C-alpha atoms as a PDB file:
ATOM      1  CA  MET A   1      38.629  42.171  54.553  1.00  0.00           C
ATOM      2  CA  ILE A   2      38.576  40.824  50.983  1.00  0.00           C
ATOM      3  CA  THR A   3      40.758  42.745  48.519  1.00  0.00           C
ATOM      4  CA  LEU A   4      39.903  43.377  44.876  1.00  0.00           C
ATOM      5  CA  ASP A   5      42.426  40.820  43.619  1.00  0.00           C
ATOM      6  CA  GLU A   6      40.537  38.238  45.677  1.00  0.00           C
ATOM      7  CA  VAL A   7      37.175  39.305  44.245  1.00  0.00           C
ATOM      8  CA  LEU A   8      37.971  39.864  40.565  1.00  0.00           C
ATOM      9  CA  HIS A   9      38.545  36.407  39.092  1.00  0.00           C
ATOM     10  CA  HIS A  10      38.963  37.196  35.400  1.00  0.00           C
ATOM     11  CA  LEU A  11      38.181  39.678  32.664  1.00  0.00           C
ATOM     12  CA  THR A  12      37.304  38.528  29.145  1.00  0.00           C
ATOM     13  CA  LEU A  13      37.784  40.797  26.135  1.00  0.00           C
ATOM     14  CA  TRP A  14      36.141  39.764  22.877  1.00  0.00           C
ATOM     15  CA  VAL A  15      38.460  40.529  20.000  1.00  0.00           C
ATOM     16  CA  PRO A  16      37.551  40.428  16.293  1.00  0.00           C
ATOM     17  CA  ASP A  17      40.751  38.614  15.277  1.00  0.00           C
ATOM     18  CA  LEU A  18      42.632  36.661  17.944  1.00  0.00           C
ATOM     19  CA  GLU A  19      45.672  36.022  15.740  1.00  0.00           C
ATOM     20  CA  ARG A  20      46.016  39.776  15.123  1.00  0.00           C
ATOM     21  CA  ALA A  21      45.508  40.661  18.818  1.00  0.00           C
ATOM     22  CA  ALA A  22      47.710  37.919  20.305  1.00  0.00           C
ATOM     23  CA  PRO A  23      51.186  39.361  19.562  1.00  0.00           C
ATOM     24  CA  SER A  24      50.401  42.809  21.037  1.00  0.00           C
ATOM     25  CA  TRP A  25      48.715  41.495  24.168  1.00  0.00           C
ATOM     26  CA  THR A  26      51.275  38.720  24.704  1.00  0.00           C
ATOM     27  CA  TRP A  27      54.076  41.282  24.584  1.00  0.00           C
ATOM     28  CA  LEU A  28      52.344  43.683  27.002  1.00  0.00           C
ATOM     29  CA  VAL A  29      50.556  41.402  29.461  1.00  0.00           C
ATOM     30  CA  GLY A  30      52.901  38.425  29.236  1.00  0.00           C
ATOM     31  CA  ASP A  31      56.373  39.813  28.599  1.00  0.00           C
ATOM     32  CA  LYS A  32      56.093  43.246  30.253  1.00  0.00           C
ATOM     33  CA  LEU A  33      53.545  42.709  33.042  1.00  0.00           C
ATOM     34  CA  GLY A  34      54.645  39.219  34.083  1.00  0.00           C
ATOM     35  CA  CYS A  35      51.496  37.218  33.432  1.00  0.00           C
ATOM     36  CA  ALA A  36      51.912  33.625  32.348  1.00  0.00           C
ATOM     37  CA  VAL A  37      50.411  32.680  29.007  1.00  0.00           C
ATOM     38  CA  GLU A  38      48.449  29.513  29.672  1.00  0.00           C
ATOM     39  CA  THR A  39      47.916  26.782  27.153  1.00  0.00           C
ATOM     40  CA  ARG A  40      44.862  27.650  25.138  1.00  0.00           C
ATOM     41  CA  PRO A  41      41.788  25.822  26.412  1.00  0.00           C
ATOM     42  CA  ALA A  42      40.350  26.357  22.904  1.00  0.00           C
ATOM     43  CA  ASP A  43      41.615  27.734  19.590  1.00  0.00           C
ATOM     44  CA  HIS A  44      39.593  30.908  20.008  1.00  0.00           C
ATOM     45  CA  ILE A  45      40.900  31.807  23.511  1.00  0.00           C
ATOM     46  CA  LEU A  46      44.186  33.243  24.814  1.00  0.00           C
ATOM     47  CA  LEU A  47      44.527  33.293  28.611  1.00  0.00           C
ATOM     48  CA  PHE A  48      46.998  35.312  30.700  1.00  0.00           C
ATOM     49  CA  ARG A  49      47.294  34.399  34.395  1.00  0.00           C
ATOM     50  CA  HIS A  50      48.758  36.798  36.967  1.00  0.00           C
ATOM     51  CA  PRO A  51      50.590  35.263  39.972  1.00  0.00           C
ATOM     52  CA  SER A  52      47.678  36.476  42.149  1.00  0.00           C
ATOM     53  CA  GLY A  53      45.372  34.135  40.211  1.00  0.00           C
ATOM     54  CA  PHE A  54      43.525  36.825  38.251  1.00  0.00           C
ATOM     55  CA  ALA A  55      43.199  36.035  34.545  1.00  0.00           C
ATOM     56  CA  LEU A  56      42.833  38.228  31.470  1.00  0.00           C
ATOM     57  CA  VAL A  57      41.231  36.363  28.595  1.00  0.00           C
ATOM     58  CA  LEU A  58      41.147  37.313  24.927  1.00  0.00           C
ATOM     59  CA  GLU A  59      38.420  35.512  23.043  1.00  0.00           C
ATOM     60  CA  GLN A  60      37.369  35.476  19.418  1.00  0.00           C
ATOM     61  CA  SER A  61      33.787  34.388  19.888  1.00  0.00           C
ATOM     62  CA  PRO A  62      31.426  33.079  17.200  1.00  0.00           C
ATOM     63  CA  ASP A  63      28.704  34.966  19.131  1.00  0.00           C
ATOM     64  CA  MET A  64      30.164  38.373  18.181  1.00  0.00           C
ATOM     65  CA  VAL A  65      28.108  40.560  15.843  1.00  0.00           C
ATOM     66  CA  PRO A  66      29.926  40.360  12.474  1.00  0.00           C
ATOM     67  CA  GLY A  67      31.691  43.589  11.562  1.00  0.00           C
ATOM     68  CA  MET A  68      31.052  45.259  14.936  1.00  0.00           C
ATOM     69  CA  LEU A  69      34.304  46.425  16.481  1.00  0.00           C
ATOM     70  CA  HIS A  70      35.049  47.524  20.034  1.00  0.00           C
ATOM     71  CA  SER A  71      34.542  51.182  20.823  1.00  0.00           C
ATOM     72  CA  ARG A  72      35.534  52.585  24.184  1.00  0.00           C
ATOM     73  CA  LEU A  73      33.126  55.441  23.451  1.00  0.00           C
ATOM     74  CA  ARG A  74      30.034  53.204  23.627  1.00  0.00           C
ATOM     75  CA  PRO A  75      28.517  51.723  26.791  1.00  0.00           C
ATOM     76  CA  GLY A  76      30.616  48.912  28.189  1.00  0.00           C
ATOM     77  CA  LEU A  77      34.299  48.552  28.900  1.00  0.00           C
ATOM     78  CA  ASN A  78      36.269  51.739  28.326  1.00  0.00           C
ATOM     79  CA  HIS A  79      39.754  50.488  29.184  1.00  0.00           C
ATOM     80  CA  VAL A  80      41.826  48.219  31.389  1.00  0.00           C
ATOM     81  CA  ALA A  81      44.356  49.834  33.753  1.00  0.00           C
ATOM     82  CA  PHE A  82      47.559  48.140  34.877  1.00  0.00           C
ATOM     83  CA  THR A  83      49.868  49.212  37.717  1.00  0.00           C
ATOM     84  CA  LEU A  84      53.573  49.358  36.909  1.00  0.00           C
ATOM     85  CA  SER A  85      56.420  49.197  39.376  1.00  0.00           C
ATOM     86  CA  SER A  86      58.079  52.469  38.376  1.00  0.00           C
ATOM     87  CA  PRO A  87      58.093  55.425  35.988  1.00  0.00           C
ATOM     88  CA  ASP A  88      61.180  53.843  34.365  1.00  0.00           C
ATOM     89  CA  GLU A  89      59.133  50.759  33.513  1.00  0.00           C
ATOM     90  CA  LEU A  90      56.484  53.036  32.008  1.00  0.00           C
ATOM     91  CA  LEU A  91      59.071  54.742  29.803  1.00  0.00           C
ATOM     92  CA  GLU A  92      60.481  51.390  28.710  1.00  0.00           C
ATOM     93  CA  ILE A  93      57.059  50.100  27.675  1.00  0.00           C
ATOM     94  CA  LEU A  94      56.221  53.330  25.857  1.00  0.00           C
ATOM     95  CA  GLY A  95      59.510  53.157  23.981  1.00  0.00           C
ATOM     96  CA  GLU A  96      58.772  49.643  22.702  1.00  0.00           C
ATOM     97  CA  ALA A  97      54.982  49.748  22.320  1.00  0.00           C
ATOM     98  CA  GLY A  98      54.915  50.906  18.704  1.00  0.00           C
ATOM     99  CA  ASP A  99      56.939  47.869  17.650  1.00  0.00           C
ATOM    100  CA  HIS A 100      54.230  45.628  19.124  1.00  0.00           C
ATOM    101  CA  GLY A 101      51.064  47.082  17.620  1.00  0.00           C
ATOM    102  CA  TRP A 102      50.243  49.687  20.268  1.00  0.00           C
ATOM    103  CA  SER A 103      49.662  53.398  19.567  1.00  0.00           C
ATOM    104  CA  PRO A 104      49.885  56.127  22.220  1.00  0.00           C
ATOM    105  CA  LEU A 105      46.778  58.113  23.164  1.00  0.00           C
ATOM    106  CA  PRO A 106      46.701  61.614  24.684  1.00  0.00           C
ATOM    107  CA  VAL A 107      47.563  61.549  28.385  1.00  0.00           C
ATOM    108  CA  ASP A 108      44.923  64.055  29.477  1.00  0.00           C
ATOM    109  CA  ARG A 109      41.977  61.798  28.512  1.00  0.00           C
ATOM    110  CA  HIS A 110      40.724  60.875  31.997  1.00  0.00           C
ATOM    111  CA  PRO A 111      43.432  61.272  34.614  1.00  0.00           C
ATOM    112  CA  MET A 112      42.167  59.315  37.615  1.00  0.00           C
ATOM    113  CA  ALA A 113      45.444  58.302  39.225  1.00  0.00           C
ATOM    114  CA  THR A 114      46.996  60.755  41.674  1.00  0.00           C
ATOM    115  CA  SER A 115      50.677  60.660  42.595  1.00  0.00           C
ATOM    116  CA  ALA A 116      51.356  58.659  39.463  1.00  0.00           C
ATOM    117  CA  GLU A 117      52.624  58.919  35.936  1.00  0.00           C
ATOM    118  CA  VAL A 118      50.065  57.653  33.460  1.00  0.00           C
ATOM    119  CA  ALA A 119      50.102  56.670  29.797  1.00  0.00           C
ATOM    120  CA  TYR A 120      47.436  55.291  27.490  1.00  0.00           C
ATOM    121  CA  LEU A 121      47.910  52.859  24.633  1.00  0.00           C
ATOM    122  CA  GLU A 122      45.489  51.554  22.014  1.00  0.00           C
ATOM    123  CA  ASP A 123      45.820  48.290  20.098  1.00  0.00           C
ATOM    124  CA  ARG A 124      44.965  47.687  16.433  1.00  0.00           C
ATOM    125  CA  ASP A 125      41.333  46.928  17.306  1.00  0.00           C
ATOM    126  CA  GLY A 126      40.702  49.993  19.468  1.00  0.00           C
ATOM    127  CA  PHE A 127      41.177  48.426  22.916  1.00  0.00           C
ATOM    128  CA  GLU A 128      42.708  50.902  25.337  1.00  0.00           C
ATOM    129  CA  VAL A 129      45.024  50.168  28.220  1.00  0.00           C
ATOM    130  CA  GLU A 130      46.089  52.605  30.890  1.00  0.00           C
ATOM    131  CA  LEU A 131      49.522  52.199  32.424  1.00  0.00           C
ATOM    132  CA  VAL A 132      49.876  53.668  35.915  1.00  0.00           C
ATOM    133  CA  ALA A 133      53.330  54.078  37.458  1.00  0.00           C
ATOM    134  CA  LEU A 134      53.105  55.217  41.063  1.00  0.00           C
ATOM    135  CA  THR A 135      55.568  57.932  41.981  1.00  0.00           C
ATOM    136  CA  PRO A 136      57.202  58.333  45.395  1.00  0.00           C
ATOM    137  CA  GLY A 137      55.403  60.693  47.762  1.00  0.00           C
END
């Protein structure tokens, strides 16, 4: 059977300002979640590679509609969810997130994970991430 990490190759997020987005996402996805930051294939792309091979790409594209920002309330991507190794890791990330451009969102927004502690963060451009820390039992 093929697992999701074998099927999902990469996810690209278009950001309005890559230089503004890069520090927040590098801290979270690179430093905290263990993805390698790969050398930029182009000035307008930042690529994070997980050891499984999956990649998260931030791209500032010239094809974006000028002035149109991301909204998780419109059709399209609502958020990206990441699994953490423990509730302690979740607390650590939440304690540092504000220093790296992330703001907390209410936890009761759309609780999908069972037997887990969940937190939601939003970056400066309105992109939401969900952090899921599985709990024993």
